[in-house]
Amino acid sequence: MRQISLDGYQIARNVQNLNSEREKLSVDLADKTSMIKRLLDENEKLSFRLRQAQDDVDSLRMTRAQQRNAEASRRPAPMGY
């Protein structure tokens, strides 16, 4: 009978320890979930800024190409020999 009582006490301690560990893991999981959400939001913002920068670069390239074409069309044709 005494052994059963000791076993019951040990089981109760183990359950309490497991509950405590589960609570710690739940807090860790919540922290990590929050961090992942922040990182995903930041990634979305950076992706948007990158697309804007790429669009700006493409626009500048088009403008420069148009300027070169306009300058080339204004130059007199080279004289042949």
Protein backbone atom coordinates (compact mmCIF):
# COMPACT_ATOMS: atom_id res chain seq x y z
CA MET A 1 0.00 0.00 0.00
CA ARG A 2 2.82 2.36 0.86
CA GLN A 3 4.43 1.73 -2.56
CA ILE A 4 1.16 2.56 -4.32
CA SER A 5 0.97 5.80 -2.37
CA LEU A 6 4.58 6.69 -3.32
CA ASP A 7 3.91 5.81 -6.94
CA GLY A 8 0.82 8.02 -6.93
CA TYR A 9 2.83 10.89 -5.46
CA GLN A 10 5.55 10.44 -8.11
CA ILE A 11 2.97 10.34 -10.88
CA ALA A 12 1.40 13.56 -9.58
CA ARG A 13 4.83 15.25 -9.53
CA ASN A 14 5.53 14.04 -13.06
CA VAL A 15 2.17 15.37 -14.26
CA GLN A 16 2.88 18.71 -12.60
CA ASN A 17 6.34 18.87 -14.23
CA LEU A 18 4.87 18.00 -17.61
CA ASN A 19 2.21 20.70 -17.24
CA SER A 20 4.87 23.23 -16.33
CA GLU A 21 6.98 22.22 -19.33
CA ARG A 22 3.93 22.42 -21.60
CA GLU A 23 3.23 25.97 -20.41
CA LYS A 24 6.83 26.99 -21.13
CA LEU A 25 6.65 25.43 -24.58
CA SER A 26 3.33 27.19 -25.24
CA VAL A 27 4.92 30.54 -24.38
CA ASP A 28 7.94 29.74 -26.57
CA LEU A 29 5.63 28.75 -29.41
CA ALA A 30 3.63 31.97 -29.06
CA ASP A 31 6.86 34.01 -29.11
CA LYS A 32 8.10 32.20 -32.19
CA THR A 33 4.74 32.60 -33.90
CA SER A 34 4.85 36.32 -33.24
CA MET A 35 8.41 36.54 -34.58
CA ILE A 36 7.47 34.63 -37.73
CA LYS A 37 4.52 36.97 -38.33
CA ARG A 38 6.79 40.01 -37.93
CA LEU A 39 9.36 38.50 -40.30
CA LEU A 40 6.68 37.71 -42.89
CA ASP A 41 5.34 41.27 -42.67
CA GLU A 42 8.85 42.68 -43.04
CA ASN A 43 9.50 40.35 -45.98
CA GLU A 44 6.31 41.54 -47.67
CA LYS A 45 7.32 45.19 -47.20
CA LEU A 46 10.83 44.56 -48.51
CA SER A 47 9.49 42.62 -51.49
CA PHE A 48 7.21 45.52 -52.33
CA ARG A 49 10.10 48.00 -52.06
CA LEU A 50 12.26 45.75 -54.25
CA ARG A 51 9.55 45.59 -56.93
CA GLN A 52 9.25 49.38 -56.82
CA ALA A 53 13.03 49.78 -57.18
CA GLN A 54 13.08 47.32 -60.10
CA ASP A 55 10.24 49.22 -61.76
CA ASP A 56 12.17 52.47 -61.27
CA VAL A 57 15.28 50.94 -62.84
CA ASP A 58 13.26 49.66 -65.79
CA SER A 59 11.69 53.10 -66.24
CA LEU A 60 15.10 54.79 -66.16
CA ARG A 61 16.47 52.34 -68.73
CA MET A 62 13.53 53.02 -71.04
CA THR A 63 13.97 56.78 -70.65
CA ARG A 64 17.70 56.57 -71.39
CA ALA A 65 17.10 54.36 -74.40
CA GLN A 66 14.55 56.84 -75.72
CA GLN A 67 16.99 59.70 -75.14
CA ARG A 68 19.76 57.85 -77.03
CA ASN A 69 17.39 57.11 -79.88
CA ALA A 70 16.29 60.75 -80.01
CA GLU A 71 19.91 61.95 -80.02
CA ALA A 72 20.85 59.46 -82.71
CA SER A 73 17.98 60.58 -84.92
CA ARG A 74 19.11 64.24 -84.60
CA ARG A 75 22.70 63.56 -85.66
CA PRO A 76 23.48 64.01 -89.29
CA ALA A 77 24.12 60.83 -91.21
CA PRO A 78 27.83 60.12 -91.69
CA MET A 79 29.17 61.01 -95.12
CA GLY A 80 30.28 58.08 -97.21
CA TYR A 81 33.73 57.93 -98.91
